[in-house]
Protein backbone atom coordinates (compact mmCIF):
# COMPACT_ATOMS: atom_id res chain seq x y z
CA MET A 1 8.65 19.79 4.82
CA TYR A 2 5.09 20.83 4.08
CA VAL A 3 2.63 20.48 6.95
CA ALA A 4 -1.14 20.29 6.64
CA LYS A 5 -3.00 23.30 7.94
CA LEU A 6 -6.27 21.91 9.22
CA SER A 7 -8.26 25.13 9.04
CA VAL A 8 -8.63 24.79 5.26
CA ARG A 9 -9.79 21.34 4.20
CA ALA A 10 -11.76 19.16 1.86
CA LEU A 11 -12.97 15.75 2.95
CA VAL A 12 -12.44 12.86 0.56
CA ALA A 13 -14.61 9.83 1.37
CA CYS A 14 -13.37 6.31 0.62
CA GLY A 15 -16.12 4.01 1.83
CA ALA A 16 -16.33 4.62 5.55
CA LEU A 17 -12.85 6.08 5.62
CA ILE A 18 -12.64 9.86 5.80
CA ILE A 19 -9.34 11.31 4.65
CA PRO A 20 -8.84 14.97 5.53
CA VAL A 21 -6.97 16.61 2.66
CA PHE A 22 -5.67 19.99 3.72
CA ALA A 23 -4.22 23.06 2.09
CA LEU A 24 -0.44 22.81 2.32
CA SER A 25 1.37 25.27 4.53
CA GLN A 26 4.66 25.60 6.39
CA GLU A 27 2.81 26.67 9.53
CA ALA A 28 2.47 24.38 12.53
CA SER A 29 -0.51 22.03 12.43
CA THR A 30 -3.36 22.47 14.92
CA LEU A 31 -6.59 20.60 15.50
CA SER A 32 -10.05 21.96 16.12
CA GLU A 33 -11.48 21.75 19.64
CA SER A 34 -13.82 18.92 18.59
CA GLN A 35 -10.90 16.92 17.17
CA LYS A 36 -8.91 17.43 20.37
CA ALA A 37 -11.87 16.28 22.44
CA GLU A 38 -12.26 13.16 20.30
CA SER A 39 -8.58 12.31 20.66
CA GLN A 40 -8.85 12.64 24.44
CA LYS A 41 -11.84 10.29 24.54
CA ASN A 42 -10.03 7.71 22.40
CA PRO A 43 -6.47 7.10 23.66
CA ALA A 44 -5.67 5.02 20.57
CA ILE A 45 -5.62 8.23 18.55
CA GLY A 46 -2.59 9.47 20.49
CA ASP A 47 -1.30 13.03 20.72
CA PRO A 48 -3.38 15.13 18.28
CA ASN A 49 -0.53 17.61 17.81
CA ARG A 50 2.18 15.02 17.17
CA ILE A 51 3.51 14.64 13.61
CA VAL A 52 5.54 11.59 12.58
CA LYS A 53 7.06 10.20 9.40
CA ILE A 54 4.97 7.55 7.69
CA LEU A 55 7.40 4.79 8.76
CA GLN A 56 6.89 5.78 12.42
CA GLU A 57 3.08 5.94 12.34
CA PRO A 58 1.98 2.93 14.48
CA ARG A 59 -0.89 1.85 12.22
CA HIS A 60 1.53 1.67 9.28
CA ARG A 61 3.11 -1.60 10.41
CA GLN A 62 6.36 -2.49 8.66
CA ILE A 63 6.29 -6.14 7.60
CA HIS A 64 9.34 -6.20 5.34
CA ARG A 65 12.35 -4.06 4.51
CA ASP A 66 14.89 -4.43 1.71
CA GLY A 67 17.33 -1.53 1.93
CA ASN A 68 15.35 1.61 1.06
CA ILE A 69 12.21 -0.34 0.13
CA TYR A 70 9.49 -0.93 2.74
CA VAL A 71 6.30 -3.00 2.84
CA LEU A 72 3.62 -1.59 5.15
CA ASP A 73 0.47 -3.30 6.41
CA ILE A 74 -1.79 -0.32 7.15
CA GLN A 75 -4.72 -1.20 9.43
CA ILE A 76 -7.14 1.30 10.98
CA ASN A 77 -9.83 -0.11 13.24
CA PRO A 78 -13.38 1.29 13.25
CA GLY A 79 -13.49 4.55 15.21
CA ASP A 80 -9.72 4.90 15.20
CA MET A 81 -7.57 7.67 13.72
CA THR A 82 -3.92 7.76 12.72
CA LEU A 83 -1.42 10.24 14.02
CA GLN A 84 -0.68 13.08 11.65
CA HIS A 85 1.96 11.57 9.42
CA THR A 86 4.15 12.80 6.58
CA HIS A 87 4.54 11.07 3.23
CA ASP A 88 8.01 11.66 1.77
CA ALA A 89 8.54 8.90 -0.82
CA ALA A 90 6.88 7.23 -3.79
CA ILE A 91 4.23 4.76 -2.64
CA LEU A 92 2.02 2.06 -4.15
CA TYR A 93 -1.29 1.14 -2.47
CA ASN A 94 -3.08 -2.23 -2.65
CA PHE A 95 -6.53 -1.59 -1.13
CA ILE A 96 -7.81 -4.61 0.80
CA SER A 97 -10.84 -3.25 2.68
CA SER A 98 -12.42 0.19 2.89
CA GLY A 99 -14.16 0.11 6.26
CA THR A 100 -17.46 -0.83 4.65
CA GLY A 101 -16.22 -4.06 3.06
CA PRO A 102 -13.72 -5.47 0.54
CA ALA A 103 -12.09 -2.85 -1.68
CA GLY A 104 -11.97 -5.04 -4.79
CA GLY A 105 -8.21 -4.93 -5.19
CA ARG A 106 -7.99 -1.29 -6.22
CA VAL A 107 -4.39 -0.19 -6.87
CA THR A 108 -3.10 3.38 -6.88
CA SER A 109 0.25 5.13 -6.60
CA ASN A 110 1.55 8.57 -5.67
CA THR A 111 4.98 9.89 -6.68
CA GLU A 112 4.38 13.58 -5.91
CA TYR A 113 5.32 12.95 -2.29
CA VAL A 114 8.97 12.75 -3.37
CA THR A 115 9.17 16.46 -4.22
CA LYS A 116 6.26 17.77 -2.17
CA ASN A 117 6.00 16.05 1.19
CA PHE A 118 2.44 15.79 2.48
CA THR A 119 1.11 15.51 6.03
CA HIS A 120 -2.39 14.30 6.85
CA GLN A 121 -4.46 12.29 9.31
CA VAL A 122 -6.82 9.43 8.46
CA SER A 123 -9.87 8.20 10.37
CA ASN A 124 -12.07 5.15 9.85
CA GLU A 125 -15.78 5.47 10.65
CA GLY A 126 -16.26 1.73 10.06
CA PRO A 127 -18.09 -0.43 10.64
CA GLY A 128 -15.23 -2.70 9.50
CA LEU A 129 -11.45 -2.63 9.25
CA PHE A 130 -9.70 -0.29 6.81
CA ARG A 131 -6.63 -2.01 5.38
CA ILE A 132 -4.00 -1.34 2.72
CA ILE A 133 -0.84 -3.23 1.80
CA ALA A 134 1.60 -0.52 0.68
CA LEU A 135 4.99 -0.62 -1.01
CA THR A 136 7.13 2.50 -0.61
CA ASN A 137 10.43 3.16 -2.37
CA TYR A 138 12.95 5.70 -1.04
CA GLY A 139 15.47 4.93 -3.79
CA PRO A 140 16.30 7.04 -6.85
CA PRO A 141 13.96 7.05 -9.87
CA ILE A 142 14.58 5.09 -13.08
CA ALA A 143 13.75 7.23 -16.08
CA ASP A 144 13.33 4.44 -18.66
CA LEU A 145 9.98 2.90 -17.76
CA LYS A 146 10.33 -0.30 -19.80
CA SER A 147 14.00 -1.21 -19.43
CA ASP A 148 13.54 -3.49 -16.41
CA ARG A 149 10.12 -5.00 -17.03
CA PRO A 150 9.79 -8.64 -15.95
CA THR A 151 9.62 -11.49 -18.44
CA GLY A 152 6.72 -13.95 -18.57
CA MET A 153 3.98 -11.38 -17.98
CA SER A 154 1.01 -11.59 -20.34
CA GLY A 155 -0.02 -7.93 -20.27
CA ASP A 156 1.10 -4.40 -19.59
CA PRO A 157 1.35 -3.13 -16.02
CA GLN A 158 -1.62 -1.31 -14.50
CA ILE A 159 0.78 1.15 -12.83
CA GLU A 160 4.27 2.07 -13.98
CA ASN A 161 6.36 5.01 -12.84
CA PRO A 162 10.07 5.66 -12.15
CA TRP A 163 9.84 4.03 -8.68
CA LEU A 164 7.10 1.39 -8.79
CA ARG A 165 5.18 -1.00 -11.01
CA ALA A 166 2.05 -3.13 -10.51
CA TYR A 167 0.27 -5.87 -12.46
CA SER A 168 -3.34 -6.80 -11.57
CA ILE A 169 -4.06 -10.43 -12.47
CA THR A 170 -7.19 -12.59 -12.22
CA LEU A 171 -6.57 -16.34 -12.25
CA GLU A 172 -9.31 -18.82 -13.05
CA PRO A 173 -9.65 -21.94 -10.85
CA GLY A 174 -6.67 -24.25 -11.28
CA LYS A 175 -4.85 -21.85 -13.59
CA ALA A 176 -1.37 -20.43 -13.12
CA THR A 177 0.72 -17.60 -14.45
CA GLU A 178 3.67 -18.30 -16.71
CA GLN A 179 7.04 -18.59 -15.03
CA GLN A 180 8.03 -14.96 -14.57
CA LEU A 181 11.43 -13.43 -13.93
CA HIS A 182 11.49 -10.16 -12.00
CA TYR A 183 14.65 -8.07 -12.17
CA ASN A 184 13.41 -5.95 -9.26
CA PRO A 185 12.20 -6.96 -5.79
CA SER A 186 8.53 -7.91 -5.99
CA LEU A 187 5.55 -8.35 -3.69
CA ILE A 188 2.61 -10.62 -4.49
CA VAL A 189 -0.62 -9.58 -2.71
CA LEU A 190 -3.83 -11.57 -2.52
CA VAL A 191 -6.40 -8.78 -2.84
CA GLY A 192 -9.54 -10.96 -2.94
CA GLU A 193 -10.87 -14.16 -1.44
CA GLY A 194 -9.15 -17.38 -2.46
CA ARG A 195 -6.00 -19.47 -2.11
CA VAL A 196 -2.87 -19.29 -4.24
CA HIS A 197 0.62 -20.77 -4.22
CA VAL A 198 3.63 -18.65 -5.10
CA THR A 199 6.27 -21.17 -6.16
CA ARG A 200 9.91 -20.37 -6.83
CA GLU A 201 11.86 -22.25 -9.49
CA ASP A 202 13.57 -24.27 -6.74
CA GLY A 203 10.15 -25.50 -5.54
CA ILE A 204 9.93 -23.44 -2.35
CA THR A 205 6.30 -22.29 -2.04
CA ALA A 206 4.44 -19.61 -0.12
CA GLU A 207 0.69 -20.10 0.37
CA LEU A 208 -1.60 -17.08 0.46
CA ASP A 209 -5.07 -18.02 1.71
CA SER A 210 -6.46 -14.88 3.35
CA MET A 211 -7.28 -11.56 1.75
CA GLY A 212 -4.34 -9.25 2.38
CA ASP A 213 -1.74 -12.03 2.57
CA SER A 214 1.48 -11.27 0.72
CA ALA A 215 4.75 -12.88 -0.32
CA TRP A 216 8.07 -11.08 -0.90
CA ARG A 217 10.48 -12.13 -3.63
CA ASP A 218 14.03 -10.79 -3.97
CA ALA A 219 15.34 -9.21 -7.16
CA ARG A 220 16.06 -11.59 -10.04
CA SER A 221 13.58 -14.15 -8.70
CA THR A 222 11.69 -16.54 -10.96
CA TYR A 223 8.32 -17.82 -9.76
CA GLN A 224 4.80 -18.85 -10.73
CA VAL A 225 1.45 -18.12 -9.06
CA ARG A 226 -1.30 -20.77 -9.13
CA ASN A 227 -4.96 -20.56 -8.10
CA LEU A 228 -5.78 -23.58 -5.91
CA GLY A 229 -9.38 -22.58 -5.31
CA THR A 230 -12.68 -23.26 -7.06
CA ALA A 231 -13.42 -19.62 -7.97
CA PRO A 232 -11.47 -16.88 -9.78
CA VAL A 233 -8.93 -15.12 -7.59
CA LYS A 234 -7.36 -11.68 -7.92
CA ILE A 235 -3.74 -10.91 -7.11
CA VAL A 236 -1.51 -7.88 -7.59
CA ILE A 237 2.19 -8.28 -8.37
CA ASN A 238 4.04 -5.16 -7.23
CA GLU A 239 7.62 -4.18 -8.06
CA ALA A 240 9.92 -1.66 -6.39
CA ARG A 241 12.23 -0.48 -9.13
CA ARG A 242 15.90 -0.30 -8.22
CA THR A 243 18.99 0.77 -10.09
CA LYS A 244 21.44 -2.08 -10.69
């Protein structure tokens, strides 16, 4: 496992969130005296020398699990900092808020963590909540990118790799997607303001009415998403690819 060495770093700003990105080393991780002092003043930060796996980091709250697939609701309050945590699987991020306001539904993915584990620590300077809905897949990769694409989708995916796939969709008021069949487990995330219904073919419906709400659908599920509001609404449909 690679561990971040904090003495060599570059700071990457994402709104009010500061993400320390450190040179990778196999040496033990240490914090500067100022970072230790800050952690002692703020008990929520926890032990500054403790390193955990991403699934054990307390701000990465697990809200669903399907075998080796996990959905995480990552929330960092203003002035708070995560424990140092290690990424060791492919992950897909749905950005909800950046600390300075809504993140606009930005979607990114990282698959390098599979072969090169990465440890870092994240702080939020605020003034608001930093939040991401993440989908992480510990399963094996699928080399053929198109073999298991869903049916009923009107465009190409925004993200597609051997572990994960994501479609960003904007629905006009009163409009709905086509009935779509997903061969893989999928997660529908409301990444903007609005209200949508996610309706299965048997009529069972999940309502998403708050930014960051999500609905899980098992593999081989057919469903439709409808905008019930009076303004356009943005959703992201995520898939965790799984061998049959």
